[in-house]
Amino acid sequence: MMKLRMYQHTFNELVALEQELLQSNNVESPTNPAPLHEYYATVPFVLSLFKCQALYFLGKCSLDEFFKLREFCLNQARLFESSPCASKAEFLPCPMAELFNVIEAPRSQTWLDRADAVLINIANHQIQQRQPLLAIQSLSELVASRPNDCQILYLLFKVHVITNNVEHAKKVHSLISKLSGPDSVYSIFCQGFMAVIKSEWNLALDCFKRAHLLDPSNIAAINNMALCHLYGGDAMEAVNVIESFILSDPFQSASETAIYNICSIYDLISEKTLENRRKVLQLIHDRLPDDFNITVLKLPMQLFSSPSVERKQKQ
């Protein structure tokens, strides 16, 4: 439901689930005097994180709520570290295991993992809000606790590229190459972006082609290949790259960024691509997932009805 941008419905469902769990275990709501550690022993922590996300997208809370949730996690970790009763031999399931590949962890480490999960959300929101300096601060803190996590390092690298901080981007790229090897997808993407910074479009194109060969389903590689062709002066080839990818699997390739880019390039060379444009956009429209942002098609909204409604009518 979050993916479908049904934030109010998501929030209502999460609250209902929360109340059911609390009532079945005779635990009070966190708005009442019940201890929060008792609350989180009953309600999965990820539920609180999803509630924060839903409220944030509804405009009913700010990033301050995420920071408060993270501070609570850090305080719980400190409590278990300092308490003589909190033996490090005590283990419990980590609700954020799917994020960090953790199956079980000491209680203090579990709360640190949860704090990091919240901080990842904060960093992503800061990037979306175009606050790269704050995002760098959050990601640097994450790197300090997870120095071998290439996914976090790569995100930090991209923010340095956005801010044109070339020297810092080089340092992070070097670290990624040491950790994952120079031929990993992360490292090759870094090489590509370093070439983009220098406007070396052919070199960047070669890098993104290599990344595509390693991971054929990587939409970012396709998108970056097309942009290299475009900025290298070959708009038609840029169109061909994205068109071929979309036509090969319209549903799986429905990336809002890639489709926005191809529509933008169509605008540049509209007369030469009119027939292909109609074919591709109709194919996209017929197979759009329900959560797709239709505005990236850059066409009048009245031309399109809800894909889900059309499918029901066909059935």
C-alpha atoms as a PDB file:
ATOM      1  CA  MET A   1       0.000   0.000   0.000  1.00  0.00           C
ATOM      2  CA  MET A   2       2.923   2.349   0.629  1.00  0.00           C
ATOM      3  CA  LYS A   3       4.181   1.593  -2.882  1.00  0.00           C
ATOM      4  CA  LEU A   4       0.732   2.424  -4.224  1.00  0.00           C
ATOM      5  CA  ARG A   5       0.954   5.798  -2.433  1.00  0.00           C
ATOM      6  CA  MET A   6      -2.158   4.953  -0.373  1.00  0.00           C
ATOM      7  CA  TYR A   7      -0.660   6.608   2.686  1.00  0.00           C
ATOM      8  CA  GLN A   8      -3.843   7.309   4.670  1.00  0.00           C
ATOM      9  CA  HIS A   9      -5.126   3.777   4.135  1.00  0.00           C
ATOM     10  CA  THR A  10      -1.688   2.401   5.062  1.00  0.00           C
ATOM     11  CA  PHE A  11      -1.643   4.431   8.276  1.00  0.00           C
ATOM     12  CA  ASN A  12      -5.160   3.318   9.240  1.00  0.00           C
ATOM     13  CA  GLU A  13      -4.270  -0.341   8.659  1.00  0.00           C
ATOM     14  CA  LEU A  14      -1.073  -0.020  10.717  1.00  0.00           C
ATOM     15  CA  VAL A  15      -2.943   1.593  13.618  1.00  0.00           C
ATOM     16  CA  ALA A  16      -5.559  -1.164  13.517  1.00  0.00           C
ATOM     17  CA  LEU A  17      -2.842  -3.835  13.563  1.00  0.00           C
ATOM     18  CA  GLU A  18      -1.049  -2.054  16.390  1.00  0.00           C
ATOM     19  CA  GLN A  19      -4.217  -1.948  18.525  1.00  0.00           C
ATOM     20  CA  GLU A  20      -4.935  -5.617  17.846  1.00  0.00           C
ATOM     21  CA  LEU A  21      -1.436  -6.633  18.954  1.00  0.00           C
ATOM     22  CA  LEU A  22      -1.591  -4.485  22.069  1.00  0.00           C
ATOM     23  CA  GLN A  23      -5.019  -5.724  23.115  1.00  0.00           C
ATOM     24  CA  SER A  24      -4.155  -9.374  22.538  1.00  0.00           C
ATOM     25  CA  ASN A  25      -1.127  -8.984  24.819  1.00  0.00           C
ATOM     26  CA  ASN A  26      -2.764  -6.661  27.380  1.00  0.00           C
ATOM     27  CA  VAL A  27      -0.242  -3.890  26.709  1.00  0.00           C
ATOM     28  CA  GLU A  28      -1.211  -0.224  26.803  1.00  0.00           C
ATOM     29  CA  SER A  29      -0.751   2.148  23.864  1.00  0.00           C
ATOM     30  CA  PRO A  30       2.527   4.142  23.832  1.00  0.00           C
ATOM     31  CA  THR A  31       0.427   7.293  24.307  1.00  0.00           C
ATOM     32  CA  ASN A  32      -0.407   5.951  27.766  1.00  0.00           C
ATOM     33  CA  PRO A  33       2.013   5.351  30.687  1.00  0.00           C
ATOM     34  CA  ALA A  34       3.003   1.873  29.506  1.00  0.00           C
ATOM     35  CA  PRO A  35       6.819   1.598  29.117  1.00  0.00           C
ATOM     36  CA  LEU A  36       7.926   1.901  25.497  1.00  0.00           C
ATOM     37  CA  HIS A  37      10.233  -1.113  25.821  1.00  0.00           C
ATOM     38  CA  GLU A  38       7.165  -3.180  26.737  1.00  0.00           C
ATOM     39  CA  TYR A  39       5.337  -1.711  23.726  1.00  0.00           C
ATOM     40  CA  TYR A  40       8.156  -2.671  21.350  1.00  0.00           C
ATOM     41  CA  ALA A  41       8.309  -6.150  22.867  1.00  0.00           C
ATOM     42  CA  THR A  42       4.758  -6.583  21.560  1.00  0.00           C
ATOM     43  CA  VAL A  43       4.613  -4.490  18.382  1.00  0.00           C
ATOM     44  CA  PRO A  44       7.275  -5.014  15.677  1.00  0.00           C
ATOM     45  CA  PHE A  45       9.534  -1.990  15.443  1.00  0.00           C
ATOM     46  CA  VAL A  46       9.130  -1.853  11.666  1.00  0.00           C
ATOM     47  CA  LEU A  47       5.455  -0.990  12.222  1.00  0.00           C
ATOM     48  CA  SER A  48       6.459   2.237  13.970  1.00  0.00           C
ATOM     49  CA  LEU A  49       8.846   3.051  11.145  1.00  0.00           C
ATOM     50  CA  PHE A  50       6.126   2.529   8.525  1.00  0.00           C
ATOM     51  CA  LYS A  51       3.731   4.686  10.551  1.00  0.00           C
ATOM     52  CA  CYS A  52       6.304   7.492  10.556  1.00  0.00           C
ATOM     53  CA  GLN A  53       6.759   7.140   6.793  1.00  0.00           C
ATOM     54  CA  ALA A  54       3.006   7.238   6.129  1.00  0.00           C
ATOM     55  CA  LEU A  55       2.509  10.321   8.327  1.00  0.00           C
ATOM     56  CA  TYR A  56       5.487  12.015   6.679  1.00  0.00           C
ATOM     57  CA  PHE A  57       4.087  11.503   3.171  1.00  0.00           C
ATOM     58  CA  LEU A  58       0.680  12.710   4.408  1.00  0.00           C
ATOM     59  CA  GLY A  59       2.355  15.903   5.582  1.00  0.00           C
ATOM     60  CA  LYS A  60       1.333  15.240   9.193  1.00  0.00           C
ATOM     61  CA  CYS A  61       4.823  14.967  10.643  1.00  0.00           C
ATOM     62  CA  SER A  62       8.309  16.203   9.852  1.00  0.00           C
ATOM     63  CA  LEU A  63      11.695  14.519   9.882  1.00  0.00           C
ATOM     64  CA  ASP A  64      11.803  15.458  13.583  1.00  0.00           C
ATOM     65  CA  GLU A  65       9.615  12.421  14.282  1.00  0.00           C
ATOM     66  CA  PHE A  66      12.197  10.177  12.616  1.00  0.00           C
ATOM     67  CA  PHE A  67      14.951  11.775  14.694  1.00  0.00           C
ATOM     68  CA  LYS A  68      12.915  11.194  17.887  1.00  0.00           C
ATOM     69  CA  LEU A  69      12.387   7.556  16.946  1.00  0.00           C
ATOM     70  CA  ARG A  70      16.089   7.155  16.267  1.00  0.00           C
ATOM     71  CA  GLU A  71      17.039   8.767  19.573  1.00  0.00           C
ATOM     72  CA  PHE A  72      14.758   6.342  21.397  1.00  0.00           C
ATOM     73  CA  CYS A  73      16.541   3.445  19.666  1.00  0.00           C
ATOM     74  CA  LEU A  74      19.954   4.789  20.654  1.00  0.00           C
ATOM     75  CA  ASN A  75      18.824   5.267  24.255  1.00  0.00           C
ATOM     76  CA  GLN A  76      17.588   1.666  24.370  1.00  0.00           C
ATOM     77  CA  ALA A  77      20.946   0.469  23.026  1.00  0.00           C
ATOM     78  CA  ARG A  78      22.796   2.459  25.705  1.00  0.00           C
ATOM     79  CA  LEU A  79      20.468   1.040  28.351  1.00  0.00           C
ATOM     80  CA  PHE A  80      21.247  -2.549  27.395  1.00  0.00           C
ATOM     81  CA  GLU A  81      24.959  -1.796  27.134  1.00  0.00           C
ATOM     82  CA  SER A  82      25.146  -0.227  30.597  1.00  0.00           C
ATOM     83  CA  SER A  83      22.689  -2.433  32.480  1.00  0.00           C
ATOM     84  CA  PRO A  84      24.372  -5.256  34.401  1.00  0.00           C
ATOM     85  CA  CYS A  85      21.244  -7.340  33.767  1.00  0.00           C
ATOM     86  CA  ALA A  86      21.543  -6.919  30.009  1.00  0.00           C
ATOM     87  CA  SER A  87      23.836  -9.789  29.217  1.00  0.00           C
ATOM     88  CA  LYS A  88      25.424  -9.667  25.795  1.00  0.00           C
ATOM     89  CA  ALA A  89      24.614 -13.349  25.554  1.00  0.00           C
ATOM     90  CA  GLU A  90      20.911 -12.495  25.395  1.00  0.00           C
ATOM     91  CA  PHE A  91      19.661 -12.649  21.845  1.00  0.00           C
ATOM     92  CA  LEU A  92      16.385 -11.751  20.204  1.00  0.00           C
ATOM     93  CA  PRO A  93      15.143 -11.593  16.593  1.00  0.00           C
ATOM     94  CA  CYS A  94      16.067  -8.411  14.768  1.00  0.00           C
ATOM     95  CA  PRO A  95      12.971  -6.930  13.050  1.00  0.00           C
ATOM     96  CA  MET A  96      15.240  -5.091  10.578  1.00  0.00           C
ATOM     97  CA  ALA A  97      16.977  -8.307   9.517  1.00  0.00           C
ATOM     98  CA  GLU A  98      15.820  -7.892   5.924  1.00  0.00           C
ATOM     99  CA  LEU A  99      17.742  -4.592   5.708  1.00  0.00           C
ATOM    100  CA  PHE A 100      21.048  -5.682   7.163  1.00  0.00           C
ATOM    101  CA  ASN A 101      21.111  -9.466   6.718  1.00  0.00           C
ATOM    102  CA  VAL A 102      20.993  -9.942  10.485  1.00  0.00           C
ATOM    103  CA  ILE A 103      19.321 -13.099  11.781  1.00  0.00           C
ATOM    104  CA  GLU A 104      19.806 -12.498  15.464  1.00  0.00           C
ATOM    105  CA  ALA A 105      21.720  -9.963  17.514  1.00  0.00           C
ATOM    106  CA  PRO A 106      22.395  -8.918  21.107  1.00  0.00           C
ATOM    107  CA  ARG A 107      19.696  -6.601  22.426  1.00  0.00           C
ATOM    108  CA  SER A 108      21.952  -3.534  22.238  1.00  0.00           C
ATOM    109  CA  GLN A 109      22.948  -4.334  18.638  1.00  0.00           C
ATOM    110  CA  THR A 110      19.313  -4.843  17.666  1.00  0.00           C
ATOM    111  CA  TRP A 111      18.468  -1.330  18.795  1.00  0.00           C
ATOM    112  CA  LEU A 112      21.539   0.044  16.978  1.00  0.00           C
ATOM    113  CA  ASP A 113      20.348  -1.720  13.813  1.00  0.00           C
ATOM    114  CA  ARG A 114      16.957  -0.100  14.268  1.00  0.00           C
ATOM    115  CA  ALA A 115      18.565   3.306  14.742  1.00  0.00           C
ATOM    116  CA  ASP A 116      20.478   2.827  11.483  1.00  0.00           C
ATOM    117  CA  ALA A 117      17.298   1.791   9.663  1.00  0.00           C
ATOM    118  CA  VAL A 118      15.657   5.040  10.758  1.00  0.00           C
ATOM    119  CA  LEU A 119      18.727   7.042   9.690  1.00  0.00           C
ATOM    120  CA  ILE A 120      18.620   5.475   6.212  1.00  0.00           C
ATOM    121  CA  ASN A 121      15.051   6.753   5.900  1.00  0.00           C
ATOM    122  CA  ILE A 122      16.146  10.189   7.090  1.00  0.00           C
ATOM    123  CA  ALA A 123      18.982  10.323   4.529  1.00  0.00           C
ATOM    124  CA  ASN A 124      16.680   9.286   1.678  1.00  0.00           C
ATOM    125  CA  HIS A 125      14.139  11.947   2.615  1.00  0.00           C
ATOM    126  CA  GLN A 126      16.909  14.567   2.839  1.00  0.00           C
ATOM    127  CA  ILE A 127      18.026  13.642  -0.682  1.00  0.00           C
ATOM    128  CA  GLN A 128      14.445  13.881  -1.953  1.00  0.00           C
ATOM    129  CA  GLN A 129      14.107  17.297  -0.302  1.00  0.00           C
ATOM    130  CA  ARG A 130      17.317  18.381  -2.071  1.00  0.00           C
ATOM    131  CA  GLN A 131      19.227  18.830   1.162  1.00  0.00           C
ATOM    132  CA  PRO A 132      22.479  17.122   0.078  1.00  0.00           C
ATOM    133  CA  LEU A 133      24.637  18.563   2.867  1.00  0.00           C
ATOM    134  CA  LEU A 134      22.303  17.158   5.532  1.00  0.00           C
ATOM    135  CA  ALA A 135      22.153  13.865   3.624  1.00  0.00           C
ATOM    136  CA  ILE A 136      25.966  13.689   3.589  1.00  0.00           C
ATOM    137  CA  GLN A 137      25.979  14.214   7.355  1.00  0.00           C
ATOM    138  CA  SER A 138      23.449  11.395   7.888  1.00  0.00           C
ATOM    139  CA  LEU A 139      25.198   9.020   5.482  1.00  0.00           C
ATOM    140  CA  SER A 140      28.622   9.743   6.999  1.00  0.00           C
ATOM    141  CA  GLU A 141      27.205   8.752  10.377  1.00  0.00           C
ATOM    142  CA  LEU A 142      25.875   5.532   8.845  1.00  0.00           C
ATOM    143  CA  VAL A 143      29.245   4.787   7.244  1.00  0.00           C
ATOM    144  CA  ALA A 144      30.886   5.198  10.652  1.00  0.00           C
ATOM    145  CA  SER A 145      28.707   2.397  12.064  1.00  0.00           C
ATOM    146  CA  ARG A 146      28.643   0.298   8.849  1.00  0.00           C
ATOM    147  CA  PRO A 147      31.989   0.952   7.121  1.00  0.00           C
ATOM    148  CA  ASN A 148      31.723  -2.126   4.877  1.00  0.00           C
ATOM    149  CA  ASP A 149      28.226  -1.489   3.547  1.00  0.00           C
ATOM    150  CA  CYS A 150      28.698  -0.724  -0.167  1.00  0.00           C
ATOM    151  CA  GLN A 151      25.061   0.252  -0.629  1.00  0.00           C
ATOM    152  CA  ILE A 152      25.383   3.073   1.904  1.00  0.00           C
ATOM    153  CA  LEU A 153      28.807   4.054   0.544  1.00  0.00           C
ATOM    154  CA  TYR A 154      27.437   4.227  -2.992  1.00  0.00           C
ATOM    155  CA  LEU A 155      24.575   6.458  -1.835  1.00  0.00           C
ATOM    156  CA  LEU A 156      27.146   8.737  -0.188  1.00  0.00           C
ATOM    157  CA  PHE A 157      29.195   8.727  -3.401  1.00  0.00           C
ATOM    158  CA  LYS A 158      26.170   9.837  -5.451  1.00  0.00           C
ATOM    159  CA  VAL A 159      25.418  12.735  -3.093  1.00  0.00           C
ATOM    160  CA  HIS A 160      29.047  13.891  -3.379  1.00  0.00           C
ATOM    161  CA  VAL A 161      28.670  13.776  -7.168  1.00  0.00           C
ATOM    162  CA  ILE A 162      25.445  15.817  -6.974  1.00  0.00           C
ATOM    163  CA  THR A 163      27.238  18.476  -4.924  1.00  0.00           C
ATOM    164  CA  ASN A 164      30.245  18.373  -7.312  1.00  0.00           C
ATOM    165  CA  ASN A 165      32.499  17.356  -4.435  1.00  0.00           C
ATOM    166  CA  VAL A 166      34.875  15.454  -6.693  1.00  0.00           C
ATOM    167  CA  GLU A 167      37.665  14.762  -4.198  1.00  0.00           C
ATOM    168  CA  HIS A 168      35.314  13.218  -1.647  1.00  0.00           C
ATOM    169  CA  ALA A 169      33.598  11.234  -4.408  1.00  0.00           C
ATOM    170  CA  LYS A 170      36.990   9.826  -5.445  1.00  0.00           C
ATOM    171  CA  LYS A 171      37.748   8.743  -1.877  1.00  0.00           C
ATOM    172  CA  VAL A 172      34.407   6.945  -1.500  1.00  0.00           C
ATOM    173  CA  HIS A 173      34.852   5.342  -4.939  1.00  0.00           C
ATOM    174  CA  SER A 174      38.269   4.047  -3.888  1.00  0.00           C
ATOM    175  CA  LEU A 175      36.797   2.550  -0.731  1.00  0.00           C
ATOM    176  CA  ILE A 176      33.975   0.866  -2.680  1.00  0.00           C
ATOM    177  CA  SER A 177      36.496  -0.635  -5.114  1.00  0.00           C
ATOM    178  CA  LYS A 178      38.563  -2.055  -2.249  1.00  0.00           C
ATOM    179  CA  LEU A 179      35.514  -3.581  -0.568  1.00  0.00           C
ATOM    180  CA  SER A 180      33.617  -4.956  -3.569  1.00  0.00           C
ATOM    181  CA  GLY A 181      36.353  -5.164  -6.223  1.00  0.00           C
ATOM    182  CA  PRO A 182      36.922  -2.924  -9.269  1.00  0.00           C
ATOM    183  CA  ASP A 183      34.584  -5.024 -11.422  1.00  0.00           C
ATOM    184  CA  SER A 184      31.538  -4.902  -9.143  1.00  0.00           C
ATOM    185  CA  VAL A 185      28.408  -3.085 -10.308  1.00  0.00           C
ATOM    186  CA  TYR A 186      28.839  -0.455  -7.575  1.00  0.00           C
ATOM    187  CA  SER A 187      32.445   0.230  -8.585  1.00  0.00           C
ATOM    188  CA  ILE A 188      31.634   0.355 -12.313  1.00  0.00           C
ATOM    189  CA  PHE A 189      28.802   2.811 -11.672  1.00  0.00           C
ATOM    190  CA  CYS A 190      31.235   4.992  -9.722  1.00  0.00           C
ATOM    191  CA  GLN A 191      33.682   4.881 -12.650  1.00  0.00           C
ATOM    192  CA  GLY A 192      30.856   5.898 -14.973  1.00  0.00           C
ATOM    193  CA  PHE A 193      29.836   8.869 -12.858  1.00  0.00           C
ATOM    194  CA  MET A 194      33.446  10.014 -12.492  1.00  0.00           C
ATOM    195  CA  ALA A 195      33.611  10.041 -16.321  1.00  0.00           C
ATOM    196  CA  VAL A 196      30.324  11.969 -16.461  1.00  0.00           C
ATOM    197  CA  ILE A 197      31.798  14.641 -14.189  1.00  0.00           C
ATOM    198  CA  LYS A 198      34.569  15.125 -16.773  1.00  0.00           C
ATOM    199  CA  SER A 199      32.064  15.024 -19.687  1.00  0.00           C
ATOM    200  CA  GLU A 200      33.837  11.931 -21.038  1.00  0.00           C
ATOM    201  CA  TRP A 201      30.636  10.494 -22.495  1.00  0.00           C
ATOM    202  CA  ASN A 202      32.153   7.565 -24.404  1.00  0.00           C
ATOM    203  CA  LEU A 203      34.047   6.353 -21.348  1.00  0.00           C
ATOM    204  CA  ALA A 204      30.949   6.756 -19.178  1.00  0.00           C
ATOM    205  CA  LEU A 205      28.893   4.878 -21.780  1.00  0.00           C
ATOM    206  CA  ASP A 206      31.357   1.962 -21.727  1.00  0.00           C
ATOM    207  CA  CYS A 207      31.073   1.785 -17.926  1.00  0.00           C
ATOM    208  CA  PHE A 208      27.284   1.706 -17.904  1.00  0.00           C
ATOM    209  CA  LYS A 209      27.307  -0.906 -20.691  1.00  0.00           C
ATOM    210  CA  ARG A 210      29.541  -3.098 -18.509  1.00  0.00           C
ATOM    211  CA  ALA A 211      27.171  -2.606 -15.580  1.00  0.00           C
ATOM    212  CA  HIS A 212      24.250  -3.570 -17.819  1.00  0.00           C
ATOM    213  CA  LEU A 213      26.015  -6.780 -18.887  1.00  0.00           C
ATOM    214  CA  LEU A 214      26.567  -7.695 -15.234  1.00  0.00           C
ATOM    215  CA  ASP A 215      22.981  -6.851 -14.313  1.00  0.00           C
ATOM    216  CA  PRO A 216      20.666  -6.800 -17.378  1.00  0.00           C
ATOM    217  CA  SER A 217      17.647  -5.802 -15.275  1.00  0.00           C
ATOM    218  CA  ASN A 218      19.393  -2.707 -13.875  1.00  0.00           C
ATOM    219  CA  ILE A 219      17.187   0.152 -15.102  1.00  0.00           C
ATOM    220  CA  ALA A 220      19.673   2.783 -13.880  1.00  0.00           C
ATOM    221  CA  ALA A 221      22.323   1.391 -16.243  1.00  0.00           C
ATOM    222  CA  ILE A 222      19.927   1.638 -19.214  1.00  0.00           C
ATOM    223  CA  ASN A 223      18.889   5.146 -18.234  1.00  0.00           C
ATOM    224  CA  ASN A 224      22.503   6.288 -17.868  1.00  0.00           C
ATOM    225  CA  MET A 225      23.483   4.708 -21.200  1.00  0.00           C
ATOM    226  CA  ALA A 226      20.729   6.697 -22.906  1.00  0.00           C
ATOM    227  CA  LEU A 227      21.809   9.944 -21.263  1.00  0.00           C
ATOM    228  CA  CYS A 228      25.414   9.354 -22.359  1.00  0.00           C
ATOM    229  CA  HIS A 229      24.222   8.968 -25.952  1.00  0.00           C
ATOM    230  CA  LEU A 230      22.103  12.113 -25.611  1.00  0.00           C
ATOM    231  CA  TYR A 231      24.862  14.308 -24.163  1.00  0.00           C
ATOM    232  CA  GLY A 232      27.302  12.759 -26.610  1.00  0.00           C
ATOM    233  CA  GLY A 233      25.189  14.155 -29.441  1.00  0.00           C
ATOM    234  CA  ASP A 234      23.235  11.068 -30.539  1.00  0.00           C
ATOM    235  CA  ALA A 235      19.629  11.610 -29.430  1.00  0.00           C
ATOM    236  CA  MET A 236      18.253   8.921 -31.753  1.00  0.00           C
ATOM    237  CA  GLU A 237      20.462   6.247 -30.204  1.00  0.00           C
ATOM    238  CA  ALA A 238      19.395   7.459 -26.739  1.00  0.00           C
ATOM    239  CA  VAL A 239      15.787   6.832 -27.775  1.00  0.00           C
ATOM    240  CA  ASN A 240      16.680   3.416 -29.226  1.00  0.00           C
ATOM    241  CA  VAL A 241      18.350   2.292 -25.977  1.00  0.00           C
ATOM    242  CA  ILE A 242      15.321   3.055 -23.795  1.00  0.00           C
ATOM    243  CA  GLU A 243      12.782   1.928 -26.423  1.00  0.00           C
ATOM    244  CA  SER A 244      14.470  -1.461 -26.801  1.00  0.00           C
ATOM    245  CA  PHE A 245      14.467  -1.956 -23.047  1.00  0.00           C
ATOM    246  CA  ILE A 246      10.806  -0.951 -22.657  1.00  0.00           C
ATOM    247  CA  LEU A 247       9.622  -3.035 -25.612  1.00  0.00           C
ATOM    248  CA  SER A 248      11.478  -6.102 -24.294  1.00  0.00           C
ATOM    249  CA  ASP A 249       9.477  -6.111 -21.046  1.00  0.00           C
ATOM    250  CA  PRO A 250       7.020  -3.188 -20.706  1.00  0.00           C
ATOM    251  CA  PHE A 251       5.802  -4.074 -17.222  1.00  0.00           C
ATOM    252  CA  GLN A 252       9.152  -4.721 -15.549  1.00  0.00           C
ATOM    253  CA  SER A 253      10.811  -1.761 -17.283  1.00  0.00           C
ATOM    254  CA  ALA A 254       8.177   0.775 -16.178  1.00  0.00           C
ATOM    255  CA  SER A 255      10.700   3.075 -14.499  1.00  0.00           C
ATOM    256  CA  GLU A 256       9.319   6.571 -13.992  1.00  0.00           C
ATOM    257  CA  THR A 257      12.764   8.107 -14.507  1.00  0.00           C
ATOM    258  CA  ALA A 258      13.507   6.218 -17.732  1.00  0.00           C
ATOM    259  CA  ILE A 259      10.084   6.965 -19.190  1.00  0.00           C
ATOM    260  CA  TYR A 260      10.315  10.639 -18.228  1.00  0.00           C
ATOM    261  CA  ASN A 261      13.679  10.779 -19.988  1.00  0.00           C
ATOM    262  CA  ILE A 262      12.460   9.101 -23.156  1.00  0.00           C
ATOM    263  CA  CYS A 263       9.454  11.447 -23.277  1.00  0.00           C
ATOM    264  CA  SER A 264      11.797  14.418 -22.866  1.00  0.00           C
ATOM    265  CA  ILE A 265      13.987  13.161 -25.735  1.00  0.00           C
ATOM    266  CA  TYR A 266      10.853  12.598 -27.839  1.00  0.00           C
ATOM    267  CA  ASP A 267      10.127  16.306 -27.318  1.00  0.00           C
ATOM    268  CA  LEU A 268      13.544  17.141 -28.768  1.00  0.00           C
ATOM    269  CA  ILE A 269      13.128  15.037 -31.910  1.00  0.00           C
ATOM    270  CA  SER A 270       9.356  14.655 -32.049  1.00  0.00           C
ATOM    271  CA  GLU A 271       8.862  14.599 -35.823  1.00  0.00           C
ATOM    272  CA  LYS A 272      11.407  11.808 -36.362  1.00  0.00           C
ATOM    273  CA  THR A 273       9.965   9.577 -33.656  1.00  0.00           C
ATOM    274  CA  LEU A 274       6.229  10.230 -33.836  1.00  0.00           C
ATOM    275  CA  GLU A 275       5.191   6.691 -34.828  1.00  0.00           C
ATOM    276  CA  ASN A 276       7.513   4.993 -32.320  1.00  0.00           C
ATOM    277  CA  ARG A 277       6.370   7.414 -29.640  1.00  0.00           C
ATOM    278  CA  ARG A 278       2.730   6.410 -30.103  1.00  0.00           C
ATOM    279  CA  LYS A 279       3.633   2.706 -30.058  1.00  0.00           C
ATOM    280  CA  VAL A 280       5.849   2.877 -26.958  1.00  0.00           C
ATOM    281  CA  LEU A 281       3.560   5.116 -24.902  1.00  0.00           C
ATOM    282  CA  GLN A 282       0.505   2.990 -25.730  1.00  0.00           C
ATOM    283  CA  LEU A 283       2.408  -0.139 -24.686  1.00  0.00           C
ATOM    284  CA  ILE A 284       3.491   1.535 -21.449  1.00  0.00           C
ATOM    285  CA  HIS A 285      -0.040   2.726 -20.738  1.00  0.00           C
ATOM    286  CA  ASP A 286      -1.556  -0.725 -21.290  1.00  0.00           C
ATOM    287  CA  ARG A 287       0.822  -2.315 -18.780  1.00  0.00           C
ATOM    288  CA  LEU A 288       1.307   0.394 -16.171  1.00  0.00           C
ATOM    289  CA  PRO A 289       1.444  -0.798 -12.564  1.00  0.00           C
ATOM    290  CA  ASP A 290      -1.154   0.855 -10.333  1.00  0.00           C
ATOM    291  CA  ASP A 291       1.468   2.893  -8.473  1.00  0.00           C
ATOM    292  CA  PHE A 292       3.006   4.416 -11.616  1.00  0.00           C
ATOM    293  CA  ASN A 293       3.185   8.222 -11.686  1.00  0.00           C
ATOM    294  CA  ILE A 294       1.421   8.873 -14.986  1.00  0.00           C
ATOM    295  CA  THR A 295       2.584  12.519 -15.143  1.00  0.00           C
ATOM    296  CA  VAL A 296       6.050  11.396 -16.303  1.00  0.00           C
ATOM    297  CA  LEU A 297       4.475  10.549 -19.659  1.00  0.00           C
ATOM    298  CA  LYS A 298       4.295  14.331 -20.193  1.00  0.00           C
ATOM    299  CA  LEU A 299       0.964  14.049 -22.011  1.00  0.00           C
ATOM    300  CA  PRO A 300      -2.503  15.486 -21.162  1.00  0.00           C
ATOM    301  CA  MET A 301      -4.041  13.549 -18.292  1.00  0.00           C
ATOM    302  CA  GLN A 302      -7.392  13.195 -20.105  1.00  0.00           C
ATOM    303  CA  LEU A 303      -5.772  10.903 -22.664  1.00  0.00           C
ATOM    304  CA  PHE A 304      -5.308   8.249 -19.996  1.00  0.00           C
ATOM    305  CA  SER A 305      -7.771   6.459 -17.772  1.00  0.00           C
ATOM    306  CA  SER A 306      -6.801   4.357 -14.789  1.00  0.00           C
ATOM    307  CA  PRO A 307      -4.954   1.204 -15.966  1.00  0.00           C
ATOM    308  CA  SER A 308      -6.530  -0.801 -13.179  1.00  0.00           C
ATOM    309  CA  VAL A 309     -10.035   0.295 -14.249  1.00  0.00           C
ATOM    310  CA  GLU A 310      -9.305  -0.618 -17.859  1.00  0.00           C
ATOM    311  CA  ARG A 311      -8.064  -4.071 -16.843  1.00  0.00           C
ATOM    312  CA  LYS A 312     -11.239  -4.729 -14.841  1.00  0.00           C
ATOM    313  CA  GLN A 313     -13.383  -3.671 -17.807  1.00  0.00           C
ATOM    314  CA  LYS A 314     -11.444  -6.017 -20.138  1.00  0.00           C
ATOM    315  CA  GLN A 315     -11.927  -8.864 -17.693  1.00  0.00           C
END
